[in-house]
Amino acid sequence: MTVARWNVEGIEAVGVAVAGKKGKASQVADPLRGVQGDKSLFGDLDSAQAMATAVGDFANKSVGQCNKASTLLDEVAKALDAVVQTVTNNEDKSAQQFGVQR
């Protein structure tokens, strides 16, 4: 096994880890989607409506941040895949050029 192959396997392992993190970001966001604060949850408090609004805002912002994280993780996965493809292609070309079997 060549050094490049070891590197490719390492990069692929990072890609698997990235995919796992993306799933976790979605799991965090899913229960928060569409959450709206309900002032009745806070009883007769004078600030019940403000608390309900804050809960809704928190949920919406959390979903937005999780969506951003998912997008960034997708970009990382694509970049890692591009690196793997480049390394593999270069290894194949070098092996072919020097008559080495891979």
PDB file of N, CA and C in Angstrom:
ATOM      1  N   MET A   1       0.846  -1.175   0.000  1.00  0.00           N
ATOM      2  CA  MET A   1       0.000   0.000   0.000  1.00  0.00           C
ATOM      3  C   MET A   1       0.894   1.241   0.000  1.00  0.00           C
ATOM      4  N   THR A   2       0.575   2.148  -0.874  1.00  0.00           N
ATOM      5  CA  THR A   2       1.394   3.350  -0.989  1.00  0.00           C
ATOM      6  C   THR A   2       1.014   4.367   0.077  1.00  0.00           C
ATOM      7  N   VAL A   3       1.902   5.314   0.248  1.00  0.00           N
ATOM      8  CA  VAL A   3       1.633   6.388   1.206  1.00  0.00           C
ATOM      9  C   VAL A   3       0.372   7.141   0.805  1.00  0.00           C
ATOM     10  N   ALA A   4       0.199   7.381  -0.493  1.00  0.00           N
ATOM     11  CA  ALA A   4      -0.983   8.111  -0.956  1.00  0.00           C
ATOM     12  C   ALA A   4      -2.258   7.352  -0.597  1.00  0.00           C
ATOM     13  N   ARG A   5      -2.212   6.007  -0.704  1.00  0.00           N
ATOM     14  CA  ARG A   5      -3.395   5.208  -0.370  1.00  0.00           C
ATOM     15  C   ARG A   5      -3.748   5.371   1.115  1.00  0.00           C
ATOM     16  N   TRP A   6      -2.734   5.390   1.946  1.00  0.00           N
ATOM     17  CA  TRP A   6      -2.970   5.617   3.374  1.00  0.00           C
ATOM     18  C   TRP A   6      -3.614   6.984   3.578  1.00  0.00           C
ATOM     19  N   ASN A   7      -3.119   7.977   2.875  1.00  0.00           N
ATOM     20  CA  ASN A   7      -3.688   9.321   2.992  1.00  0.00           C
ATOM     21  C   ASN A   7      -5.139   9.344   2.537  1.00  0.00           C
ATOM     22  N   VAL A   8      -5.423   8.651   1.433  1.00  0.00           N
ATOM     23  CA  VAL A   8      -6.785   8.597   0.913  1.00  0.00           C
ATOM     24  C   VAL A   8      -7.706   7.938   1.937  1.00  0.00           C
ATOM     25  N   GLU A   9      -7.246   6.859   2.531  1.00  0.00           N
ATOM     26  CA  GLU A   9      -8.071   6.182   3.534  1.00  0.00           C
ATOM     27  C   GLU A   9      -8.329   7.091   4.736  1.00  0.00           C
ATOM     28  N   GLY A  10      -7.336   7.862   5.114  1.00  0.00           N
ATOM     29  CA  GLY A  10      -7.516   8.810   6.216  1.00  0.00           C
ATOM     30  C   GLY A  10      -8.527   9.883   5.874  1.00  0.00           C
ATOM     31  N   ILE A  11      -8.442  10.401   4.662  1.00  0.00           N
ATOM     32  CA  ILE A  11      -9.378  11.436   4.221  1.00  0.00           C
ATOM     33  C   ILE A  11     -10.792  10.864   4.144  1.00  0.00           C
ATOM     34  N   GLU A  12     -10.904   9.632   3.641  1.00  0.00           N
ATOM     35  CA  GLU A  12     -12.220   8.995   3.574  1.00  0.00           C
ATOM     36  C   GLU A  12     -12.809   8.803   4.972  1.00  0.00           C
ATOM     37  N   ALA A  13     -11.966   8.472   5.934  1.00  0.00           N
ATOM     38  CA  ALA A  13     -12.437   8.310   7.318  1.00  0.00           C
ATOM     39  C   ALA A  13     -12.957   9.638   7.868  1.00  0.00           C
ATOM     40  N   VAL A  14     -12.284  10.719   7.526  1.00  0.00           N
ATOM     41  CA  VAL A  14     -12.757  12.042   7.949  1.00  0.00           C
ATOM     42  C   VAL A  14     -14.108  12.334   7.292  1.00  0.00           C
ATOM     43  N   GLY A  15     -14.244  11.961   6.025  1.00  0.00           N
ATOM     44  CA  GLY A  15     -15.516  12.157   5.325  1.00  0.00           C
ATOM     45  C   GLY A  15     -16.666  11.424   5.993  1.00  0.00           C
ATOM     46  N   VAL A  16     -16.401  10.206   6.453  1.00  0.00           N
ATOM     47  CA  VAL A  16     -17.431   9.444   7.169  1.00  0.00           C
ATOM     48  C   VAL A  16     -17.811  10.165   8.466  1.00  0.00           C
ATOM     49  N   ALA A  17     -16.816  10.677   9.161  1.00  0.00           N
ATOM     50  CA  ALA A  17     -17.084  11.415  10.404  1.00  0.00           C
ATOM     51  C   ALA A  17     -17.901  12.674  10.124  1.00  0.00           C
ATOM     52  N   VAL A  18     -17.580  13.359   9.030  1.00  0.00           N
ATOM     53  CA  VAL A  18     -18.322  14.574   8.658  1.00  0.00           C
ATOM     54  C   VAL A  18     -19.785  14.227   8.388  1.00  0.00           C
ATOM     55  N   ALA A  19     -20.010  13.138   7.663  1.00  0.00           N
ATOM     56  CA  ALA A  19     -21.383  12.723   7.364  1.00  0.00           C
ATOM     57  C   ALA A  19     -22.157  12.440   8.650  1.00  0.00           C
ATOM     58  N   GLY A  20     -21.491  11.846   9.610  1.00  0.00           N
ATOM     59  CA  GLY A  20     -22.140  11.570  10.889  1.00  0.00           C
ATOM     60  C   GLY A  20     -22.515  12.834  11.635  1.00  0.00           C
ATOM     61  N   LYS A  21     -21.663  13.831  11.544  1.00  0.00           N
ATOM     62  CA  LYS A  21     -21.947  15.107  12.216  1.00  0.00           C
ATOM     63  C   LYS A  21     -23.124  15.817  11.554  1.00  0.00           C
ATOM     64  N   LYS A  22     -23.221  15.710  10.229  1.00  0.00           N
ATOM     65  CA  LYS A  22     -24.328  16.354   9.538  1.00  0.00           C
ATOM     66  C   LYS A  22     -25.651  15.763  10.004  1.00  0.00           C
ATOM     67  N   GLY A  23     -25.677  14.455  10.162  1.00  0.00           N
ATOM     68  CA  GLY A  23     -26.891  13.810  10.651  1.00  0.00           C
ATOM     69  C   GLY A  23     -27.276  14.293  12.036  1.00  0.00           C
ATOM     70  N   LYS A  24     -26.275  14.509  12.869  1.00  0.00           N
ATOM     71  CA  LYS A  24     -26.546  14.982  14.229  1.00  0.00           C
ATOM     72  C   LYS A  24     -27.106  16.408  14.214  1.00  0.00           C
ATOM     73  N   ALA A  25     -26.612  17.238  13.305  1.00  0.00           N
ATOM     74  CA  ALA A  25     -27.129  18.606  13.204  1.00  0.00           C
ATOM     75  C   ALA A  25     -28.607  18.579  12.825  1.00  0.00           C
ATOM     76  N   SER A  26     -28.964  17.683  11.923  1.00  0.00           N
ATOM     77  CA  SER A  26     -30.371  17.556  11.531  1.00  0.00           C
ATOM     78  C   SER A  26     -31.218  17.038  12.686  1.00  0.00           C
ATOM     79  N   GLN A  27     -30.666  16.093  13.444  1.00  0.00           N
ATOM     80  CA  GLN A  27     -31.411  15.550  14.585  1.00  0.00           C
ATOM     81  C   GLN A  27     -31.698  16.626  15.627  1.00  0.00           C
ATOM     82  N   VAL A  28     -30.764  17.525  15.807  1.00  0.00           N
ATOM     83  CA  VAL A  28     -30.970  18.613  16.766  1.00  0.00           C
ATOM     84  C   VAL A  28     -32.051  19.561  16.259  1.00  0.00           C
ATOM     85  N   ALA A  29     -32.035  19.857  14.974  1.00  0.00           N
ATOM     86  CA  ALA A  29     -32.955  20.847  14.417  1.00  0.00           C
ATOM     87  C   ALA A  29     -34.379  20.321  14.266  1.00  0.00           C
ATOM     88  N   ASP A  30     -34.534  19.051  13.946  1.00  0.00           N
ATOM     89  CA  ASP A  30     -35.867  18.525  13.624  1.00  0.00           C
ATOM     90  C   ASP A  30     -36.933  18.820  14.680  1.00  0.00           C
ATOM     91  N   PRO A  31     -36.688  18.542  15.956  1.00  0.00           N
ATOM     92  CA  PRO A  31     -37.751  18.812  16.929  1.00  0.00           C
ATOM     93  C   PRO A  31     -38.034  20.306  17.140  1.00  0.00           C
ATOM     94  N   LEU A  32     -37.124  21.151  16.700  1.00  0.00           N
ATOM     95  CA  LEU A  32     -37.302  22.594  16.902  1.00  0.00           C
ATOM     96  C   LEU A  32     -38.028  23.274  15.748  1.00  0.00           C
ATOM     97  N   ARG A  33     -38.159  22.569  14.626  1.00  0.00           N
ATOM     98  CA  ARG A  33     -38.809  23.175  13.452  1.00  0.00           C
ATOM     99  C   ARG A  33     -40.271  23.503  13.774  1.00  0.00           C
ATOM    100  N   GLY A  34     -40.638  24.714  13.503  1.00  0.00           N
ATOM    101  CA  GLY A  34     -42.018  25.137  13.689  1.00  0.00           C
ATOM    102  C   GLY A  34     -42.436  25.384  15.130  1.00  0.00           C
ATOM    103  N   VAL A  35     -41.500  25.326  16.060  1.00  0.00           N
ATOM    104  CA  VAL A  35     -41.851  25.575  17.463  1.00  0.00           C
ATOM    105  C   VAL A  35     -42.213  27.049  17.629  1.00  0.00           C
ATOM    106  N   GLN A  36     -43.356  27.264  18.184  1.00  0.00           N
ATOM    107  CA  GLN A  36     -43.790  28.619  18.507  1.00  0.00           C
ATOM    108  C   GLN A  36     -44.048  28.670  20.008  1.00  0.00           C
ATOM    109  N   GLY A  37     -43.633  29.725  20.620  1.00  0.00           N
ATOM    110  CA  GLY A  37     -43.873  29.865  22.052  1.00  0.00           C
ATOM    111  C   GLY A  37     -45.360  30.046  22.334  1.00  0.00           C
ATOM    112  N   ASP A  38     -45.819  29.455  23.385  1.00  0.00           N
ATOM    113  CA  ASP A  38     -47.219  29.592  23.798  1.00  0.00           C
ATOM    114  C   ASP A  38     -47.229  30.228  25.183  1.00  0.00           C
ATOM    115  N   LYS A  39     -47.824  31.408  25.257  1.00  0.00           N
ATOM    116  CA  LYS A  39     -47.764  32.135  26.529  1.00  0.00           C
ATOM    117  C   LYS A  39     -48.460  31.389  27.658  1.00  0.00           C
ATOM    118  N   SER A  40     -49.372  30.483  27.335  1.00  0.00           N
ATOM    119  CA  SER A  40     -50.057  29.729  28.391  1.00  0.00           C
ATOM    120  C   SER A  40     -49.102  28.802  29.142  1.00  0.00           C
ATOM    121  N   LEU A  41     -47.979  28.478  28.514  1.00  0.00           N
ATOM    122  CA  LEU A  41     -46.976  27.645  29.189  1.00  0.00           C
ATOM    123  C   LEU A  41     -46.379  28.348  30.401  1.00  0.00           C
ATOM    124  N   PHE A  42     -46.462  29.662  30.401  1.00  0.00           N
ATOM    125  CA  PHE A  42     -45.837  30.446  31.458  1.00  0.00           C
ATOM    126  C   PHE A  42     -46.855  30.995  32.461  1.00  0.00           C
ATOM    127  N   GLY A  43     -48.060  30.482  32.372  1.00  0.00           N
ATOM    128  CA  GLY A  43     -49.075  30.847  33.357  1.00  0.00           C
ATOM    129  C   GLY A  43     -49.457  32.314  33.315  1.00  0.00           C
ATOM    130  N   ASP A  44     -49.654  32.858  34.490  1.00  0.00           N
ATOM    131  CA  ASP A  44     -50.124  34.240  34.616  1.00  0.00           C
ATOM    132  C   ASP A  44     -48.997  35.248  34.786  1.00  0.00           C
ATOM    133  N   LEU A  45     -47.806  34.853  34.442  1.00  0.00           N
ATOM    134  CA  LEU A  45     -46.676  35.779  34.577  1.00  0.00           C
ATOM    135  C   LEU A  45     -46.880  36.995  33.680  1.00  0.00           C
ATOM    136  N   ASP A  46     -46.489  38.135  34.167  1.00  0.00           N
ATOM    137  CA  ASP A  46     -46.586  39.358  33.365  1.00  0.00           C
ATOM    138  C   ASP A  46     -45.759  39.246  32.085  1.00  0.00           C
ATOM    139  N   SER A  47     -44.695  38.498  32.167  1.00  0.00           N
ATOM    140  CA  SER A  47     -43.789  38.377  31.018  1.00  0.00           C
ATOM    141  C   SER A  47     -44.050  37.110  30.195  1.00  0.00           C
ATOM    142  N   ALA A  48     -45.223  36.495  30.346  1.00  0.00           N
ATOM    143  CA  ALA A  48     -45.522  35.240  29.649  1.00  0.00           C
ATOM    144  C   ALA A  48     -45.376  35.382  28.131  1.00  0.00           C
ATOM    145  N   GLN A  49     -45.916  36.454  27.563  1.00  0.00           N
ATOM    146  CA  GLN A  49     -45.826  36.632  26.107  1.00  0.00           C
ATOM    147  C   GLN A  49     -44.380  36.842  25.673  1.00  0.00           C
ATOM    148  N   ALA A  50     -43.640  37.626  26.433  1.00  0.00           N
ATOM    149  CA  ALA A  50     -42.224  37.848  26.098  1.00  0.00           C
ATOM    150  C   ALA A  50     -41.443  36.539  26.165  1.00  0.00           C
ATOM    151  N   MET A  51     -41.728  35.715  27.166  1.00  0.00           N
ATOM    152  CA  MET A  51     -41.050  34.418  27.284  1.00  0.00           C
ATOM    153  C   MET A  51     -41.421  33.515  26.107  1.00  0.00           C
ATOM    154  N   ALA A  52     -42.706  33.502  25.754  1.00  0.00           N
ATOM    155  CA  ALA A  52     -43.159  32.677  24.636  1.00  0.00           C
ATOM    156  C   ALA A  52     -42.490  33.116  23.337  1.00  0.00           C
ATOM    157  N   THR A  53     -42.396  34.408  23.135  1.00  0.00           N
ATOM    158  CA  THR A  53     -41.728  34.939  21.948  1.00  0.00           C
ATOM    159  C   THR A  53     -40.255  34.557  21.941  1.00  0.00           C
ATOM    160  N   ALA A  54     -39.621  34.637  23.091  1.00  0.00           N
ATOM    161  CA  ALA A  54     -38.202  34.268  23.196  1.00  0.00           C
ATOM    162  C   ALA A  54     -37.995  32.792  22.874  1.00  0.00           C
ATOM    163  N   VAL A  55     -38.901  31.931  23.336  1.00  0.00           N
ATOM    164  CA  VAL A  55     -38.797  30.497  23.036  1.00  0.00           C
ATOM    165  C   VAL A  55     -38.902  30.274  21.527  1.00  0.00           C
ATOM    166  N   GLY A  56     -39.875  30.913  20.894  1.00  0.00           N
ATOM    167  CA  GLY A  56     -40.030  30.781  19.443  1.00  0.00           C
ATOM    168  C   GLY A  56     -38.817  31.295  18.685  1.00  0.00           C
ATOM    169  N   ASP A  57     -38.297  32.436  19.104  1.00  0.00           N
ATOM    170  CA  ASP A  57     -37.104  33.004  18.463  1.00  0.00           C
ATOM    171  C   ASP A  57     -35.901  32.081  18.625  1.00  0.00           C
ATOM    172  N   PHE A  58     -35.745  31.544  19.828  1.00  0.00           N
ATOM    173  CA  PHE A  58     -34.634  30.618  20.084  1.00  0.00           C
ATOM    174  C   PHE A  58     -34.736  29.399  19.170  1.00  0.00           C
ATOM    175  N   ALA A  59     -35.928  28.833  19.067  1.00  0.00           N
ATOM    176  CA  ALA A  59     -36.114  27.650  18.219  1.00  0.00           C
ATOM    177  C   ALA A  59     -35.789  27.974  16.764  1.00  0.00           C
ATOM    178  N   ASN A  60     -36.300  29.095  16.266  1.00  0.00           N
ATOM    179  CA  ASN A  60     -36.055  29.474  14.870  1.00  0.00           C
ATOM    180  C   ASN A  60     -34.576  29.723  14.600  1.00  0.00           C
ATOM    181  N   LYS A  61     -33.921  30.416  15.508  1.00  0.00           N
ATOM    182  CA  LYS A  61     -32.491  30.689  15.325  1.00  0.00           C
ATOM    183  C   LYS A  61     -31.673  29.408  15.418  1.00  0.00           C
ATOM    184  N   SER A  62     -32.080  28.512  16.291  1.00  0.00           N
ATOM    185  CA  SER A  62     -31.368  27.236  16.421  1.00  0.00           C
ATOM    186  C   SER A  62     -31.476  26.421  15.140  1.00  0.00           C
ATOM    187  N   VAL A  63     -32.660  26.378  14.565  1.00  0.00           N
ATOM    188  CA  VAL A  63     -32.850  25.663  13.302  1.00  0.00           C
ATOM    189  C   VAL A  63     -31.983  26.300  12.217  1.00  0.00           C
ATOM    190  N   GLY A  64     -31.963  27.622  12.171  1.00  0.00           N
ATOM    191  CA  GLY A  64     -31.128  28.315  11.182  1.00  0.00           C
ATOM    192  C   GLY A  64     -29.657  27.978  11.333  1.00  0.00           C
ATOM    193  N   GLN A  65     -29.180  27.944  12.560  1.00  0.00           N
ATOM    194  CA  GLN A  65     -27.767  27.615  12.798  1.00  0.00           C
ATOM    195  C   GLN A  65     -27.471  26.158  12.431  1.00  0.00           C
ATOM    196  N   CYS A  66     -28.394  25.265  12.732  1.00  0.00           N
ATOM    197  CA  CYS A  66     -28.202  23.856  12.356  1.00  0.00           C
ATOM    198  C   CYS A  66     -28.189  23.704  10.836  1.00  0.00           C
ATOM    199  N   ASN A  67     -29.039  24.466  10.151  1.00  0.00           N
ATOM    200  CA  ASN A  67     -29.034  24.430   8.686  1.00  0.00           C
ATOM    201  C   ASN A  67     -27.702  24.924   8.136  1.00  0.00           C
ATOM    202  N   LYS A  68     -27.172  25.992   8.730  1.00  0.00           N
ATOM    203  CA  LYS A  68     -25.862  26.499   8.302  1.00  0.00           C
ATOM    204  C   LYS A  68     -24.785  25.450   8.530  1.00  0.00           C
ATOM    205  N   ALA A  69     -24.842  24.786   9.672  1.00  0.00           N
ATOM    206  CA  ALA A  69     -23.857  23.744   9.976  1.00  0.00           C
ATOM    207  C   ALA A  69     -23.951  22.611   8.965  1.00  0.00           C
ATOM    208  N   SER A  70     -25.163  22.218   8.605  1.00  0.00           N
ATOM    209  CA  SER A  70     -25.342  21.152   7.615  1.00  0.00           C
ATOM    210  C   SER A  70     -24.766  21.555   6.265  1.00  0.00           C
ATOM    211  N   THR A  71     -25.000  22.798   5.882  1.00  0.00           N
ATOM    212  CA  THR A  71     -24.464  23.296   4.612  1.00  0.00           C
ATOM    213  C   THR A  71     -22.938  23.279   4.625  1.00  0.00           C
ATOM    214  N   LEU A  72     -22.347  23.748   5.708  1.00  0.00           N
ATOM    215  CA  LEU A  72     -20.880  23.743   5.815  1.00  0.00           C
ATOM    216  C   LEU A  72     -20.327  22.319   5.792  1.00  0.00           C
ATOM    217  N   LEU A  73     -20.997  21.416   6.471  1.00  0.00           N
ATOM    218  CA  LEU A  73     -20.540  20.024   6.478  1.00  0.00           C
ATOM    219  C   LEU A  73     -20.643  19.410   5.084  1.00  0.00           C
ATOM    220  N   ASP A  74     -21.677  19.770   4.325  1.00  0.00           N
ATOM    221  CA  ASP A  74     -21.777  19.319   2.929  1.00  0.00           C
ATOM    222  C   ASP A  74     -20.590  19.825   2.115  1.00  0.00           C
ATOM    223  N   GLU A  75     -20.238  21.088   2.318  1.00  0.00           N
ATOM    224  CA  GLU A  75     -19.109  21.670   1.593  1.00  0.00           C
ATOM    225  C   GLU A  75     -17.797  20.984   1.969  1.00  0.00           C
ATOM    226  N   VAL A  76     -17.641  20.665   3.242  1.00  0.00           N
ATOM    227  CA  VAL A  76     -16.441  19.945   3.686  1.00  0.00           C
ATOM    228  C   VAL A  76     -16.393  18.570   3.033  1.00  0.00           C
ATOM    229  N   ALA A  77     -17.516  17.876   3.007  1.00  0.00           N
ATOM    230  CA  ALA A  77     -17.562  16.543   2.396  1.00  0.00           C
ATOM    231  C   ALA A  77     -17.203  16.607   0.911  1.00  0.00           C
ATOM    232  N   LYS A  78     -17.715  17.607   0.212  1.00  0.00           N
ATOM    233  CA  LYS A  78     -17.398  17.766  -1.212  1.00  0.00           C
ATOM    234  C   LYS A  78     -15.920  18.068  -1.410  1.00  0.00           C
ATOM    235  N   ALA A  79     -15.362  18.905  -0.558  1.00  0.00           N
ATOM    236  CA  ALA A  79     -13.937  19.234  -0.660  1.00  0.00           C
ATOM    237  C   ALA A  79     -13.078  18.003  -0.392  1.00  0.00           C
ATOM    238  N   LEU A  80     -13.444  17.220   0.605  1.00  0.00           N
ATOM    239  CA  LEU A  80     -12.695  15.991   0.900  1.00  0.00           C
ATOM    240  C   LEU A  80     -12.772  15.019  -0.266  1.00  0.00           C
ATOM    241  N   ASP A  81     -13.943  14.912  -0.866  1.00  0.00           N
ATOM    242  CA  ASP A  81     -14.096  14.026  -2.020  1.00  0.00           C
ATOM    243  C   ASP A  81     -13.222  14.494  -3.179  1.00  0.00           C
ATOM    244  N   ALA A  82     -13.164  15.796  -3.388  1.00  0.00           N
ATOM    245  CA  ALA A  82     -12.318  16.337  -4.458  1.00  0.00           C
ATOM    246  C   ALA A  82     -10.848  16.029  -4.200  1.00  0.00           C
ATOM    247  N   VAL A  83     -10.421  16.118  -2.949  1.00  0.00           N
ATOM    248  CA  VAL A  83      -9.029  15.793  -2.604  1.00  0.00           C
ATOM    249  C   VAL A  83      -8.757  14.318  -2.877  1.00  0.00           C
ATOM    250  N   VAL A  84      -9.667  13.454  -2.458  1.00  0.00           N
ATOM    251  CA  VAL A  84      -9.499  12.013  -2.691  1.00  0.00           C
ATOM    252  C   VAL A  84      -9.400  11.730  -4.184  1.00  0.00           C
ATOM    253  N   GLN A  85     -10.274  12.333  -4.965  1.00  0.00           N
ATOM    254  CA  GLN A  85     -10.248  12.109  -6.416  1.00  0.00           C
ATOM    255  C   GLN A  85      -8.943  12.598  -7.031  1.00  0.00           C
ATOM    256  N   THR A  86      -8.474  13.747  -6.601  1.00  0.00           N
ATOM    257  CA  THR A  86      -7.224  14.291  -7.129  1.00  0.00           C
ATOM    258  C   THR A  86      -6.040  13.404  -6.781  1.00  0.00           C
ATOM    259  N   VAL A  87      -5.956  12.989  -5.530  1.00  0.00           N
ATOM    260  CA  VAL A  87      -4.849  12.120  -5.108  1.00  0.00           C
ATOM    261  C   VAL A  87      -4.899  10.801  -5.862  1.00  0.00           C
ATOM    262  N   THR A  88      -6.079  10.216  -5.957  1.00  0.00           N
ATOM    263  CA  THR A  88      -6.227   8.937  -6.655  1.00  0.00           C
ATOM    264  C   THR A  88      -5.859   9.073  -8.125  1.00  0.00           C
ATOM    265  N   ASN A  89      -6.344  10.118  -8.772  1.00  0.00           N
ATOM    266  CA  ASN A  89      -6.024  10.332 -10.189  1.00  0.00           C
ATOM    267  C   ASN A  89      -4.525  10.529 -10.391  1.00  0.00           C
ATOM    268  N   ASN A  90      -3.895  11.312  -9.519  1.00  0.00           N
ATOM    269  CA  ASN A  90      -2.451  11.530  -9.637  1.00  0.00           C
ATOM    270  C   ASN A  90      -1.673  10.244  -9.416  1.00  0.00           C
ATOM    271  N   GLU A  91      -2.098   9.446  -8.453  1.00  0.00           N
ATOM    272  CA  GLU A  91      -1.447   8.153  -8.209  1.00  0.00           C
ATOM    273  C   GLU A  91      -1.591   7.243  -9.422  1.00  0.00           C
ATOM    274  N   ASP A  92      -2.780   7.200  -9.993  1.00  0.00           N
ATOM    275  CA  ASP A  92      -3.016   6.356 -11.167  1.00  0.00           C
ATOM    276  C   ASP A  92      -2.156   6.802 -12.347  1.00  0.00           C
ATOM    277  N   LYS A  93      -2.092   8.114 -12.575  1.00  0.00           N
ATOM    278  CA  LYS A  93      -1.279   8.635 -13.678  1.00  0.00           C
ATOM    279  C   LYS A  93       0.198   8.337 -13.459  1.00  0.00           C
ATOM    280  N   SER A  94       0.663   8.523 -12.234  1.00  0.00           N
ATOM    281  CA  SER A  94       2.072   8.242 -11.932  1.00  0.00           C
ATOM    282  C   SER A  94       2.377   6.766 -12.099  1.00  0.00           C
ATOM    283  N   ALA A  95       1.490   5.918 -11.632  1.00  0.00           N
ATOM    284  CA  ALA A  95       1.697   4.475 -11.759  1.00  0.00           C
ATOM    285  C   ALA A  95       1.734   4.079 -13.225  1.00  0.00           C
ATOM    286  N   GLN A  96       0.841   4.647 -14.008  1.00  0.00           N
ATOM    287  CA  GLN A  96       0.808   4.342 -15.435  1.00  0.00           C
ATOM    288  C   GLN A  96       2.079   4.849 -16.121  1.00  0.00           C
ATOM    289  N   GLN A  97       2.498   6.038 -15.768  1.00  0.00           N
ATOM    290  CA  GLN A  97       3.687   6.634 -16.372  1.00  0.00           C
ATOM    291  C   GLN A  97       4.930   5.796 -16.095  1.00  0.00           C
ATOM    292  N   PHE A  98       5.031   5.259 -14.885  1.00  0.00           N
ATOM    293  CA  PHE A  98       6.217   4.494 -14.513  1.00  0.00           C
ATOM    294  C   PHE A  98       6.017   2.993 -14.642  1.00  0.00           C
ATOM    295  N   GLY A  99       4.882   2.582 -15.184  1.00  0.00           N
ATOM    296  CA  GLY A  99       4.638   1.168 -15.408  1.00  0.00           C
ATOM    297  C   GLY A  99       4.489   0.354 -14.136  1.00  0.00           C
ATOM    298  N   VAL A 100       3.962   0.976 -13.117  1.00  0.00           N
ATOM    299  CA  VAL A 100       3.776   0.300 -11.835  1.00  0.00           C
ATOM    300  C   VAL A 100       2.310  -0.086 -11.697  1.00  0.00           C
ATOM    301  N   GLN A 101       2.078  -1.314 -11.219  1.00  0.00           N
ATOM    302  CA  GLN A 101       0.699  -1.727 -10.981  1.00  0.00           C
ATOM    303  C   GLN A 101       0.256  -1.276  -9.605  1.00  0.00           C
ATOM    304  N   ARG A 102      -0.970  -0.828  -9.544  1.00  0.00           N
ATOM    305  CA  ARG A 102      -1.523  -0.388  -8.252  1.00  0.00           C
ATOM    306  C   ARG A 102      -2.502  -1.385  -7.737  1.00  0.00           C
TER     307      ARG A 102
END
